Protein backbone atom coordinates (compact mmCIF):
# COMPACT_ATOMS: atom_id res chain seq x y z
CA MET A 1 104.37 117.05 151.37
CA ALA A 2 102.45 118.35 148.36
CA GLY A 3 104.78 119.88 145.84
CA SER A 4 107.80 119.65 148.16
CA GLY A 5 110.03 118.01 145.60
CA PHE A 6 109.46 120.79 143.11
CA GLU A 7 109.88 123.59 145.64
CA SER A 8 113.15 122.33 147.09
CA GLU A 9 114.74 121.98 143.70
CA SER A 10 113.33 125.25 142.39
CA SER A 11 114.66 127.24 145.31
CA SER A 12 118.23 126.18 144.61
CA THR A 13 118.07 127.18 140.96
CA GLN A 14 118.84 130.70 139.79
CA ASN A 15 115.78 132.50 138.45
CA PRO A 16 116.30 133.28 134.75
CA ASN A 17 115.30 136.85 134.03
CA LYS A 18 113.49 137.50 130.78
CA SER A 19 116.18 140.04 129.90
CA ASP A 20 118.61 137.10 129.68
CA TYR A 21 116.92 136.12 126.40
CA ALA A 22 117.41 138.68 123.64
CA GLU A 23 114.67 139.18 121.10
CA GLY A 24 114.76 136.41 118.53
CA GLU A 25 117.29 134.36 120.55
CA ASP A 26 116.56 130.66 120.98
CA TYR A 27 115.10 129.75 124.34
CA LYS A 28 116.33 126.24 125.12
CA PRO A 29 113.50 124.07 126.43
CA GLU A 30 115.89 121.11 126.54
CA ALA A 31 117.10 122.51 129.85
CA PHE A 32 113.72 121.61 131.29
CA VAL A 33 113.27 118.30 129.50
CA GLY A 34 116.19 116.22 130.71
CA GLN A 35 118.39 113.87 128.77
CA ASP A 36 118.40 113.90 124.99
CA LEU A 37 117.58 110.89 122.84
CA GLU A 38 121.16 109.79 122.45
CA GLN A 39 121.77 109.71 126.19
CA SER A 40 118.40 107.97 126.67
CA SER A 41 119.51 105.26 124.26
CA LYS A 42 122.70 104.76 126.21
CA ASN A 43 120.75 104.47 129.44
CA ARG A 44 118.36 102.04 127.76
CA ASN A 45 121.20 99.79 126.65
CA ALA A 46 122.86 100.04 130.05
CA ALA A 47 119.63 98.90 131.65
CA GLY A 48 120.07 95.52 130.00
CA ASP A 49 116.67 95.47 128.34
CA ASP A 50 115.65 92.33 126.51
CA GLY A 51 114.26 94.12 123.48
CA ASP A 52 110.61 94.04 124.49
CA LEU A 53 108.84 97.18 125.65
CA ASP A 54 108.46 96.28 129.33
CA ARG A 55 112.17 96.81 129.97
CA TYR A 56 112.19 100.12 128.10
CA GLU A 57 109.20 101.38 130.04
CA SER A 58 110.71 100.76 133.48
CA ASN A 59 113.63 103.08 132.66
CA ALA A 60 112.73 106.77 132.90
CA ALA A 61 115.05 107.96 130.12
CA ALA A 62 114.06 105.19 127.73
CA SER A 63 110.36 105.62 128.50
CA ARG A 64 110.60 109.32 127.65
CA GLU A 65 112.44 108.44 124.47
CA LEU A 66 109.60 106.14 123.38
CA SER A 67 106.93 108.78 123.90
CA ARG A 68 109.03 111.55 122.33
CA ARG A 69 109.47 109.48 119.21
CA MET A 70 105.82 108.50 119.14
CA THR A 71 104.60 112.11 119.38
CA GLY A 72 107.39 113.61 117.25
CA ALA A 73 108.45 115.77 120.20
CA ASP A 74 111.97 116.45 118.93
CA LYS A 75 110.65 117.93 115.71
CA LEU A 76 108.25 120.08 117.72
CA ILE A 77 111.11 121.41 119.86
CA GLU A 78 113.25 122.03 116.78
CA GLU A 79 110.43 123.89 115.02
CA ALA A 80 109.70 125.95 118.15
CA ASN A 81 113.32 127.12 118.22
CA ASN A 82 113.67 127.75 114.48
CA THR A 83 111.70 131.00 114.59
CA ASP A 84 112.41 134.72 114.54
CA GLU A 85 109.47 135.48 116.75
CA PRO A 86 110.31 137.04 120.14
CA MET A 87 109.88 134.98 123.28
CA PRO A 88 106.35 135.26 124.72
CA VAL A 89 106.19 137.01 128.09
CA MET A 90 104.84 135.38 131.24
CA GLY A 91 102.35 138.19 131.74
CA GLY A 92 101.74 140.54 134.65
CA GLY A 93 105.30 141.87 134.41
CA ARG A 94 106.67 138.65 135.88
CA ASP A 95 110.07 137.14 135.11
CA TYR A 96 110.42 133.69 133.64
CA PRO A 97 110.11 131.04 136.38
CA PRO A 98 113.16 129.10 137.49
CA PRO A 99 114.01 125.84 135.71
CA ILE A 100 112.69 122.82 137.56
CA GLY A 101 115.83 120.80 136.88
CA ASP A 102 115.79 117.22 135.68
CA ARG A 103 112.25 116.31 134.59
CA GLU A 104 112.99 112.60 134.83
CA ILE A 105 112.58 112.61 138.61
CA TYR A 106 108.95 113.67 138.04
CA SER A 107 108.33 111.21 135.20
CA VAL A 108 106.41 108.06 136.14
CA THR A 109 107.40 104.66 134.75
CA PHE A 110 106.51 101.05 135.38
CA ASP A 111 108.16 99.62 138.47
CA GLY A 112 110.27 97.08 136.60
CA PRO A 113 109.21 94.21 134.30
CA ASN A 114 107.18 92.60 137.11
CA ASP A 115 105.02 95.64 137.87
CA PRO A 116 101.42 94.33 138.30
CA ASP A 117 100.13 97.46 136.54
CA HIS A 118 101.98 96.49 133.36
CA PRO A 119 99.60 94.68 130.95
CA HIS A 120 102.10 91.84 130.50
CA ASN A 121 101.51 90.99 134.16
CA TRP A 122 97.73 91.28 134.26
CA PRO A 123 95.75 88.19 135.35
CA LEU A 124 95.02 85.66 132.63
CA LYS A 125 91.28 86.14 133.14
CA THR A 126 91.60 89.84 132.31
CA LYS A 127 93.65 89.12 129.22
CA VAL A 128 91.15 86.52 128.00
CA LEU A 129 88.24 88.94 128.41
CA ILE A 130 90.06 91.66 126.47
CA CYS A 131 91.00 89.18 123.72
CA PHE A 132 87.35 88.12 123.52
CA CYS A 133 86.26 91.75 123.13
CA VAL A 134 88.69 92.60 120.36
CA GLY A 135 87.98 89.25 118.70
CA ILE A 136 84.22 89.89 118.51
CA ILE A 137 84.75 93.39 117.10
CA ALA A 138 87.26 92.10 114.54
CA LEU A 139 84.96 89.21 113.59
CA GLY A 140 82.15 91.63 112.76
CA SER A 141 84.47 93.61 110.50
CA THR A 142 85.89 90.63 108.65
CA VAL A 143 82.53 88.87 108.18
CA GLY A 144 81.15 92.13 106.83
CA SER A 145 83.90 92.30 104.21
CA ALA A 146 82.87 89.02 102.52
CA ILE A 147 79.21 88.47 103.35
CA PHE A 148 78.08 91.07 100.82
CA ALA A 149 79.69 89.22 97.89
CA GLU A 150 76.64 86.93 97.80
CA ALA A 151 74.32 89.93 97.41
CA SER A 152 75.80 90.99 94.05
CA ALA A 153 73.31 89.06 91.92
CA ASP A 154 70.35 90.59 93.78
CA LEU A 155 71.81 94.10 93.39
CA GLU A 156 72.15 93.56 89.63
CA ARG A 157 68.53 92.46 89.35
CA ILE A 158 66.91 94.97 91.72
CA TYR A 159 68.84 98.11 90.79
CA HIS A 160 69.49 97.25 87.11
CA VAL A 161 73.25 97.69 87.29
CA GLY A 162 76.09 95.78 85.69
CA ARG A 163 78.11 93.04 87.32
CA GLU A 164 81.09 95.33 87.94
CA VAL A 165 78.95 97.93 89.76
CA ALA A 166 77.38 95.23 91.93
CA THR A 167 80.88 93.94 92.78
CA LEU A 168 81.77 97.40 94.06
CA GLY A 169 79.68 96.57 97.14
CA THR A 170 82.54 94.29 98.21
CA SER A 171 85.38 96.37 96.76
CA PHE A 172 84.27 99.64 98.36
CA TYR A 173 84.18 97.95 101.75
CA VAL A 174 87.73 96.70 101.28
CA PHE A 175 88.82 100.14 100.01
CA GLY A 176 87.49 101.44 103.34
CA PHE A 177 89.68 98.81 104.98
CA ALA A 178 92.61 100.32 103.06
CA SER A 179 92.04 103.97 103.99
CA GLY A 180 90.82 103.60 107.59
CA PRO A 181 93.98 102.17 109.18
CA VAL A 182 96.04 105.18 108.05
CA ILE A 183 94.04 107.16 110.62
CA TRP A 184 93.20 104.53 113.23
CA GLY A 185 96.76 103.21 113.65
CA PRO A 186 98.45 106.51 114.64
CA LEU A 187 95.45 107.64 116.69
CA SER A 188 95.58 104.41 118.70
CA GLU A 189 99.24 105.17 119.48
CA LEU A 190 98.36 108.68 120.67
CA TYR A 191 95.03 108.15 122.43
CA GLY A 192 94.88 104.42 123.15
CA ARG A 193 93.20 101.34 121.73
CA PHE A 194 89.87 101.75 123.60
CA THR A 195 89.44 105.36 122.48
CA VAL A 196 89.79 104.29 118.85
CA MET A 197 88.09 100.90 118.71
CA ILE A 198 84.88 101.55 120.64
CA PRO A 199 83.72 104.74 118.84
CA ALA A 200 84.77 103.25 115.50
CA CYS A 201 82.79 100.08 116.25
CA PHE A 202 79.73 102.20 117.06
CA VAL A 203 79.92 104.09 113.75
CA PHE A 204 80.63 100.81 111.90
CA THR A 205 77.40 99.41 113.37
CA CYS A 206 75.43 102.52 112.38
CA PHE A 207 76.62 102.36 108.77
CA SER A 208 75.83 98.63 108.62
CA PHE A 209 72.20 99.34 109.49
CA ALA A 210 72.19 102.38 107.17
CA CYS A 211 73.30 100.15 104.29
CA ALA A 212 70.62 97.60 105.17
CA THR A 213 67.92 100.27 104.85
CA ALA A 214 69.35 102.15 101.83
CA LYS A 215 66.97 102.91 98.97
CA ASP A 216 69.36 103.22 96.02
CA ILE A 217 72.65 101.76 94.80
CA GLN A 218 74.60 104.99 95.42
CA THR A 219 73.67 105.02 99.10
CA ILE A 220 74.52 101.32 99.39
CA LEU A 221 78.02 101.81 97.97
CA ILE A 222 78.73 104.91 100.08
CA CYS A 223 77.57 103.15 103.24
CA ARG A 224 79.63 100.08 102.38
CA PHE A 225 82.76 102.24 102.06
CA PHE A 226 82.26 103.91 105.43
CA THR A 227 81.35 100.59 107.06
CA GLY A 228 84.74 99.29 105.94
CA PHE A 229 86.47 102.56 106.88
CA PHE A 230 85.33 102.40 110.50
CA GLY A 231 85.44 98.61 110.59
CA ALA A 232 89.17 98.83 109.84
CA ALA A 233 89.94 100.16 113.33
CA PRO A 234 90.21 96.69 114.98
CA MET A 235 92.38 95.49 112.08
CA VAL A 236 95.25 97.61 113.45
CA ALA A 237 94.21 98.38 117.04
CA ALA A 238 93.41 94.77 117.99
CA PRO A 239 96.81 93.25 117.10
CA ALA A 240 98.46 96.26 118.77
CA ALA A 241 96.37 95.54 121.88
CA LEU A 242 97.58 91.94 121.84
CA ALA A 243 101.15 93.23 121.62
CA ASP A 244 100.34 95.39 124.67
CA LEU A 245 99.10 92.37 126.62
CA PHE A 246 101.65 89.70 125.72
CA ASN A 247 105.43 89.72 125.59
CA ALA A 248 107.48 88.29 122.74
CA GLY A 249 107.46 84.80 124.24
CA SER A 250 103.67 84.43 124.40
CA ARG A 251 102.53 86.86 121.73
CA GLY A 252 102.63 84.27 118.97
CA GLN A 253 99.93 82.07 120.50
CA ALA A 254 97.62 85.05 121.09
CA MET A 255 98.17 86.29 117.54
CA ALA A 256 97.36 82.81 116.21
CA LEU A 257 93.89 83.02 117.74
CA PHE A 258 93.39 86.54 116.43
CA ALA A 259 94.58 85.64 112.92
CA SER A 260 92.13 82.72 112.89
CA VAL A 261 89.35 85.25 113.49
CA LEU A 262 90.84 87.68 110.99
CA PHE A 263 90.83 85.15 108.16
CA GLY A 264 88.03 82.96 109.42
CA GLY A 265 85.62 85.88 108.95
CA PRO A 266 86.03 86.03 105.14
CA MET A 267 85.46 82.26 105.06
CA LEU A 268 82.29 82.35 107.16
CA GLY A 269 80.90 85.48 105.49
CA PRO A 270 80.07 83.87 102.11
CA ILE A 271 78.41 80.89 103.85
CA PHE A 272 76.18 83.14 105.95
CA GLY A 273 75.55 85.39 102.96
CA GLY A 274 74.64 82.51 100.66
CA PHE A 275 71.95 81.12 102.96
CA ILE A 276 70.65 84.60 103.88
CA VAL A 277 70.24 85.67 100.25
CA LYS A 278 68.67 82.31 99.37
CA ASN A 279 65.97 82.69 102.05
CA PRO A 280 62.96 84.54 100.50
CA HIS A 281 61.99 85.88 103.93
CA LEU A 282 65.38 87.57 104.40
CA GLY A 283 67.11 88.73 101.21
CA TRP A 284 70.31 90.71 100.68
CA ARG A 285 69.47 93.41 103.26
CA TRP A 286 69.83 90.89 106.06
CA CYS A 287 73.50 90.48 105.13
CA GLU A 288 73.96 94.00 106.46
CA TYR A 289 71.55 93.54 109.35
CA PHE A 290 73.56 90.49 110.39
CA THR A 291 76.81 92.49 110.22
CA GLY A 292 75.26 95.26 112.32
CA ILE A 293 74.00 92.77 114.92
CA VAL A 294 77.52 91.36 115.33
CA GLY A 295 78.74 94.94 115.78
CA VAL A 296 76.15 95.50 118.53
CA VAL A 297 77.31 92.33 120.31
CA GLY A 298 80.90 93.60 120.09
CA LEU A 299 79.90 96.95 121.58
CA LEU A 300 77.81 95.51 124.41
CA SER A 301 80.61 93.15 125.43
CA SER A 302 83.51 95.61 125.04
CA VAL A 303 82.22 98.74 126.76
CA PRO A 304 81.98 97.12 130.23
CA LEU A 305 84.81 94.59 129.86
CA TYR A 306 87.57 96.21 127.83
CA GLN A 307 90.41 97.96 129.68
CA GLU A 308 92.88 100.31 128.06
CA THR A 309 96.04 98.32 127.26
CA HIS A 310 98.25 100.98 125.64
CA HIS A 311 101.23 101.31 127.98
CA PRO A 312 101.75 105.12 127.72
CA LEU A 313 98.07 105.71 128.54
CA ILE A 314 98.31 103.48 131.62
CA LEU A 315 101.21 105.64 132.81
CA VAL A 316 99.10 108.77 132.16
CA LYS A 317 96.42 107.36 134.48
CA LYS A 318 99.09 106.53 137.07
CA ALA A 319 100.49 110.07 136.90
CA GLU A 320 97.03 111.59 137.30
CA THR A 321 96.44 109.49 140.41
CA LEU A 322 99.77 110.58 141.91
CA ARG A 323 99.11 114.26 141.14
CA ARG A 324 95.76 114.13 142.88
CA ARG A 325 97.02 112.28 145.94
CA THR A 326 100.31 114.18 146.40
CA GLY A 327 99.32 117.62 145.11
CA ASN A 328 102.60 117.71 143.18
CA TRP A 329 101.67 119.03 139.74
CA GLY A 330 105.16 118.27 138.42
CA ILE A 331 104.48 114.52 138.35
CA HIS A 332 103.67 113.45 134.80
CA ALA A 333 103.79 110.62 132.30
CA PRO A 334 106.11 110.93 129.29
CA HIS A 335 103.06 110.83 127.01
CA GLU A 336 101.77 114.06 128.61
CA GLU A 337 104.80 116.22 127.87
CA PHE A 338 103.41 117.49 124.57
CA ARG A 339 99.88 118.29 123.42
CA LEU A 340 99.55 118.03 119.66
CA THR A 341 97.31 120.23 117.57
CA ILE A 342 95.09 118.67 114.89
CA LYS A 343 97.49 120.00 112.25
CA GLU A 344 100.46 118.40 114.01
CA ILE A 345 98.58 115.11 114.38
CA VAL A 346 97.85 115.06 110.65
CA GLN A 347 101.35 116.10 109.60
CA LYS A 348 103.42 114.04 112.02
CA ASN A 349 101.25 111.09 113.03
CA ILE A 350 98.48 110.29 110.57
CA SER A 351 100.99 110.52 107.73
CA ARG A 352 103.31 108.09 109.55
CA PRO A 353 101.85 104.78 108.23
CA LEU A 354 102.28 105.84 104.60
CA ILE A 355 105.70 107.36 105.28
CA MET A 356 106.79 104.14 106.96
CA LEU A 357 105.29 102.01 104.19
CA PHE A 358 107.16 103.77 101.40
CA THR A 359 110.42 104.60 103.21
CA GLU A 360 110.95 101.44 105.27
CA PRO A 361 112.35 98.75 102.91
CA ILE A 362 111.53 95.88 105.24
CA LEU A 363 107.90 97.01 105.69
CA PHE A 364 107.36 97.84 102.02
CA PHE A 365 108.62 94.57 100.58
CA ILE A 366 106.95 92.24 103.07
CA THR A 367 103.72 94.23 102.67
CA LEU A 368 103.93 93.97 98.87
CA TYR A 369 104.23 90.18 99.22
CA ASN A 370 101.37 90.24 101.72
CA ALA A 371 99.22 92.33 99.38
CA PHE A 372 99.49 89.91 96.45
CA ILE A 373 98.49 87.00 98.67
CA TYR A 374 95.59 88.99 100.15
CA GLY A 375 94.39 89.95 96.68
CA LEU A 376 94.41 86.29 95.69
CA LEU A 377 92.26 85.54 98.76
CA TYR A 378 89.54 87.87 97.50
CA LEU A 379 89.83 86.36 94.04
CA MET A 380 88.96 83.03 95.65
CA LEU A 381 85.70 84.55 96.96
CA THR A 382 84.70 84.68 93.29
CA ALA A 383 86.33 81.43 92.18
CA VAL A 384 84.68 79.09 94.70
CA PRO A 385 81.06 79.85 93.64
CA LEU A 386 82.12 79.69 89.97
CA VAL A 387 83.38 76.15 90.48
CA PHE A 388 80.75 74.66 92.77
CA GLN A 389 77.75 76.63 91.56
CA GLY A 390 78.76 77.05 87.93
CA GLN A 391 80.56 73.76 87.27
CA TYR A 392 78.99 71.33 89.75
CA GLY A 393 75.53 72.93 89.65
CA TRP A 394 75.08 73.39 93.39
CA VAL A 395 72.50 75.87 94.67
CA VAL A 396 73.37 79.15 96.41
CA GLY A 397 74.34 78.54 100.03
CA VAL A 398 75.42 74.94 99.46
CA ALA A 399 77.93 76.20 96.87
CA GLN A 400 79.58 78.27 99.60
CA LEU A 401 80.00 75.36 102.04
CA PRO A 402 83.44 74.40 100.64
CA TYR A 403 84.73 77.51 102.41
CA ILE A 404 84.56 75.33 105.53
CA SER A 405 87.47 73.39 104.06
CA MET A 406 89.44 76.62 103.80
CA LEU A 407 88.51 77.46 107.38
CA ILE A 408 89.77 74.04 108.52
CA GLY A 409 93.01 74.76 106.69
CA ILE A 410 93.28 78.09 108.53
CA LEU A 411 92.90 76.34 111.89
CA ILE A 412 95.52 73.73 110.93
CA GLY A 413 97.84 76.51 109.80
CA ALA A 414 97.35 78.35 113.10
CA ALA A 415 98.31 75.15 114.94
CA ILE A 416 101.46 74.89 112.78
CA CYS A 417 102.36 78.47 113.69
CA VAL A 418 101.88 77.74 117.39
CA TYR A 419 104.20 74.74 117.01
CA PHE A 420 106.87 76.95 115.46
CA GLU A 421 106.41 79.41 118.33
CA SER A 422 107.96 76.89 120.73
CA LYS A 423 111.04 76.76 118.50
CA TYR A 424 111.07 80.55 118.35
CA ASN A 425 111.07 80.76 122.15
CA VAL A 426 113.97 78.31 122.39
CA LYS A 427 116.02 80.47 120.01
CA MET A 428 115.07 83.62 121.91
CA ILE A 429 116.22 82.11 125.23
CA ALA A 430 119.47 81.00 123.58
CA ASN A 431 119.92 84.61 122.42
CA GLY A 432 119.86 85.91 125.97
CA GLY A 433 116.13 86.55 125.97
CA LYS A 434 116.32 88.99 123.08
CA PRO A 435 113.78 88.32 120.31
CA ILE A 436 115.04 87.91 116.75
CA PRO A 437 112.21 88.91 114.38
CA GLU A 438 113.52 86.78 111.50
CA ASP A 439 112.98 83.64 113.57
CA ARG A 440 109.23 84.24 113.11
CA LEU A 441 109.49 83.51 109.37
CA PRO A 442 109.95 79.71 108.92
CA PRO A 443 106.16 79.04 108.90
CA MET A 444 105.87 81.61 106.10
CA MET A 445 108.32 79.57 104.03
CA VAL A 446 106.07 76.53 104.41
CA GLY A 447 102.93 78.60 103.81
CA GLY A 448 104.11 80.03 100.50
CA ILE A 449 104.62 76.52 99.10
CA LEU A 450 101.27 75.20 100.43
CA PHE A 451 99.44 78.22 99.00
CA ALA A 452 100.88 77.69 95.51
CA ILE A 453 100.08 73.95 95.62
CA GLY A 454 96.49 74.68 96.65
CA LEU A 455 95.94 77.14 93.78
CA PHE A 456 97.24 74.73 91.11
CA TRP A 457 95.24 71.89 92.64
CA PHE A 458 92.01 73.89 92.81
CA GLY A 459 92.30 75.28 89.27
CA TRP A 460 92.86 71.96 87.54
CA THR A 461 90.55 69.70 89.58
CA GLY A 462 87.69 72.22 89.68
CA ASN A 463 87.54 72.42 85.90
CA TYR A 464 86.33 68.84 85.29
CA PRO A 465 83.13 68.24 87.29
CA ASP A 466 82.14 65.26 85.12
CA LYS A 467 85.43 63.45 85.79
CA ILE A 468 86.58 64.59 89.24
CA HIS A 469 84.57 64.24 92.45
CA TRP A 470 83.73 67.51 94.24
CA ILE A 471 85.72 66.48 97.32
CA VAL A 472 89.01 66.82 95.41
CA PRO A 473 88.83 70.61 94.74
CA THR A 474 87.26 71.01 98.17
CA ILE A 475 90.33 69.49 99.84
CA SER A 476 92.56 71.84 97.84
CA LEU A 477 90.91 74.77 99.61
CA SER A 478 92.30 73.54 102.93
CA PHE A 479 95.82 73.87 101.47
CA ILE A 480 94.99 77.42 100.38
CA GLY A 481 93.65 78.26 103.84
CA CYS A 482 96.64 76.69 105.57
CA GLY A 483 98.98 78.61 103.28
CA LEU A 484 97.15 81.87 103.93
CA ILE A 485 97.41 81.74 107.71
CA THR A 486 101.01 80.50 107.76
CA ILE A 487 101.92 83.46 105.55
CA PHE A 488 99.95 86.16 107.34
CA LEU A 489 100.42 85.20 110.98
CA PRO A 490 104.25 85.20 110.95
CA CYS A 491 104.06 88.41 108.93
CA LEU A 492 101.98 90.15 111.60
CA ASN A 493 104.29 88.96 114.38
CA TYR A 494 107.36 89.92 112.36
CA ILE A 495 106.11 93.47 111.84
CA ILE A 496 105.27 93.82 115.55
CA ASP A 497 108.69 92.49 116.59
CA CYS A 498 110.45 94.84 114.18
CA TYR A 499 108.60 98.02 115.11
CA LEU A 500 107.35 97.47 118.69
CA MET A 501 106.04 100.91 119.78
CA PHE A 502 105.22 101.84 116.16
CA ALA A 503 103.48 98.51 115.55
CA ALA A 504 100.05 100.10 115.02
CA SER A 505 101.40 102.49 112.38
CA ALA A 506 103.37 99.72 110.68
CA LEU A 507 100.32 97.44 110.65
CA ALA A 508 98.25 100.35 109.31
CA GLY A 509 100.62 100.74 106.37
CA ASN A 510 100.50 96.99 105.80
CA THR A 511 96.69 96.93 105.96
CA PHE A 512 96.45 99.90 103.59
CA LEU A 513 98.34 98.26 100.73
CA ARG A 514 96.97 94.73 101.12
CA SER A 515 93.39 95.98 101.39
CA LEU A 516 93.94 98.05 98.26
CA PHE A 517 94.87 94.85 96.43
CA GLY A 518 91.97 93.02 98.09
CA GLY A 519 89.54 95.65 96.79
CA ILE A 520 90.90 95.74 93.22
CA PHE A 521 91.24 92.01 92.53
CA PRO A 522 87.50 91.13 92.74
CA LEU A 523 86.74 93.73 90.04
CA PHE A 524 88.34 91.57 87.35
CA ALA A 525 87.95 88.14 88.96
CA ILE A 526 84.82 86.93 87.11
CA GLN A 527 86.06 88.19 83.75
CA MET A 528 89.40 86.46 84.26
CA PHE A 529 87.92 83.10 85.25
CA GLU A 530 85.35 83.19 82.45
CA ALA A 531 87.81 84.27 79.74
CA MET A 532 90.68 81.99 80.78
CA HIS A 533 88.55 79.16 82.17
CA ILE A 534 89.04 77.73 85.63
CA ARG A 535 92.13 75.66 84.91
CA PHE A 536 94.21 78.36 83.23
CA ALA A 537 93.13 81.10 85.63
CA GLY A 538 94.12 78.80 88.51
CA THR A 539 97.43 78.13 86.77
CA LEU A 540 98.12 81.86 86.44
CA LEU A 541 97.40 82.45 90.14
CA GLY A 542 99.51 79.44 91.09
CA CYS A 543 102.42 80.76 89.01
CA VAL A 544 102.21 84.15 90.75
CA ALA A 545 102.22 82.42 94.14
CA LEU A 546 105.15 80.23 93.03
CA ILE A 547 107.19 83.28 92.00
CA LEU A 548 106.61 84.75 95.47
CA VAL A 549 107.78 81.62 97.33
CA PRO A 550 111.43 82.85 97.74
CA VAL A 551 110.34 86.11 99.41
CA PRO A 552 110.27 84.88 103.06
CA PHE A 553 113.62 83.14 102.50
CA LEU A 554 115.12 86.48 101.42
CA PHE A 555 113.73 88.19 104.52
CA TYR A 556 115.02 85.40 106.74
CA TYR A 557 118.58 85.88 105.58
CA LYS A 558 118.61 89.63 104.81
CA GLY A 559 116.02 90.95 107.28
CA LYS A 560 118.47 92.06 109.93
CA TYR A 561 120.49 94.01 107.37
CA LEU A 562 117.32 95.77 106.20
CA ARG A 563 116.41 96.62 109.78
CA THR A 564 119.76 98.37 110.23
CA LYS A 565 118.67 100.74 107.42
CA SER A 566 115.42 101.54 109.20
CA LYS A 567 114.54 104.73 111.05
CA TYR A 568 111.78 103.09 113.08
CA ALA A 569 112.75 99.43 113.52
CA PHE A 570 114.52 98.10 116.60
CA VAL A 571 117.84 96.34 115.95
CA LEU A 572 119.29 94.42 118.89
């Protein structure tokens, strides 16, 4: 039985002699690969897929197309043929072996949309455990981004540096958030989510403890950058893992929980940081110890519980099992057809997030909108203490408690998004089960308005502590939090729906630009609020948010047209 399929087909195929290929003549590997991309697309459409990846991956031609696009296989074949070098010889004076025929009969796929090996069909308990693992890892990263903001005053005093240099402790971390995803996103598409997240979490934890024990400001800033760099891995790999686990109909609810963690972390971080720094027995170093401890918890829970969710890697494991049990070395997964060198990975994969960001109109414009909102979030990390500590005279720690109001707003916003998900599913069913990415955007329309209202409200009520009770600006923060989550959550789902198999790279490009804004904005936040005063600075931010309100409406009506101009997006 072992190898019988290969031998029977090989024996009926004429053996190509090496003399058949003149020196410098193209040797056509397509003869051994099977159907080209165009034919694969036709087969995919004929299969009646519903636009989500499970239908693509149960069709051999379409599954190969996905992996070929992901690895850049067509470019590799083209480059291999565009050469004047003579064909390599087999060695030992042997002729070239016979073609094996159609490779698709040896290519493993999922056994239809209901295959129990497909992550969409895994037991709920397994999915919950995996979501818990990625949630803990992501929480450590997001808390770490904001917790250090409360250590700035101590850094100024201990290391005799200016306010701007002390603020770099937060900005460098977020700059790490910007640069890390460019690497982690494509690598997670090539080697899987587990392979990227777990080692990155380990190094993130190491740099957290290194920062906590650093002896000078230079070491602190360098460690903060690399903590953010490696902590960025779950920012792109975790939402991609959720896309692996849940189909379009249930993905929204899972992403709502993840987004609550993603934006709840920057709300909890300043509260933890305020009380840690205030405690004379702890001090600023325990901000980093705390971050490292959360990283350790994430590692200890994920290593035994997390299973690889990336669909191509699951097929690789399936193919390896079949090869061992049948002895037929021709059996393979589409993801195994090409082995990329480090140079090819850098040129064709790691560069993909930035190429997508700046060449994909739909990704660039929604990311630009996202980036402004994200930058305003990090401005608020400065504004809240200025109001409640500077205006109302609250002590450190207590002055950070109003972030709870923003966190409550985030949870309310997540519930609003879940409500809209039911409407999205109704529209998807009416569309024959095919998801329409633009139907994810109505919550974003609401969120843009709520966010602008919250900024105006906070700026004007927080400026008059002798006339306005503290609860009034505190309530405004819930509007800001609700606006934030109802902007970001639909945005994440929209990007995933648009780009499917390239979701990690698309999210990496999105994270790069918005984190760049998030790192720059705090550098001028204090100067802006002090020079313009709370009310006028809040008015300026509110005006920027108000100008951006039409953006989701434009995407709602013109998004499909923009997707037709895309090289990577799926248009149904």
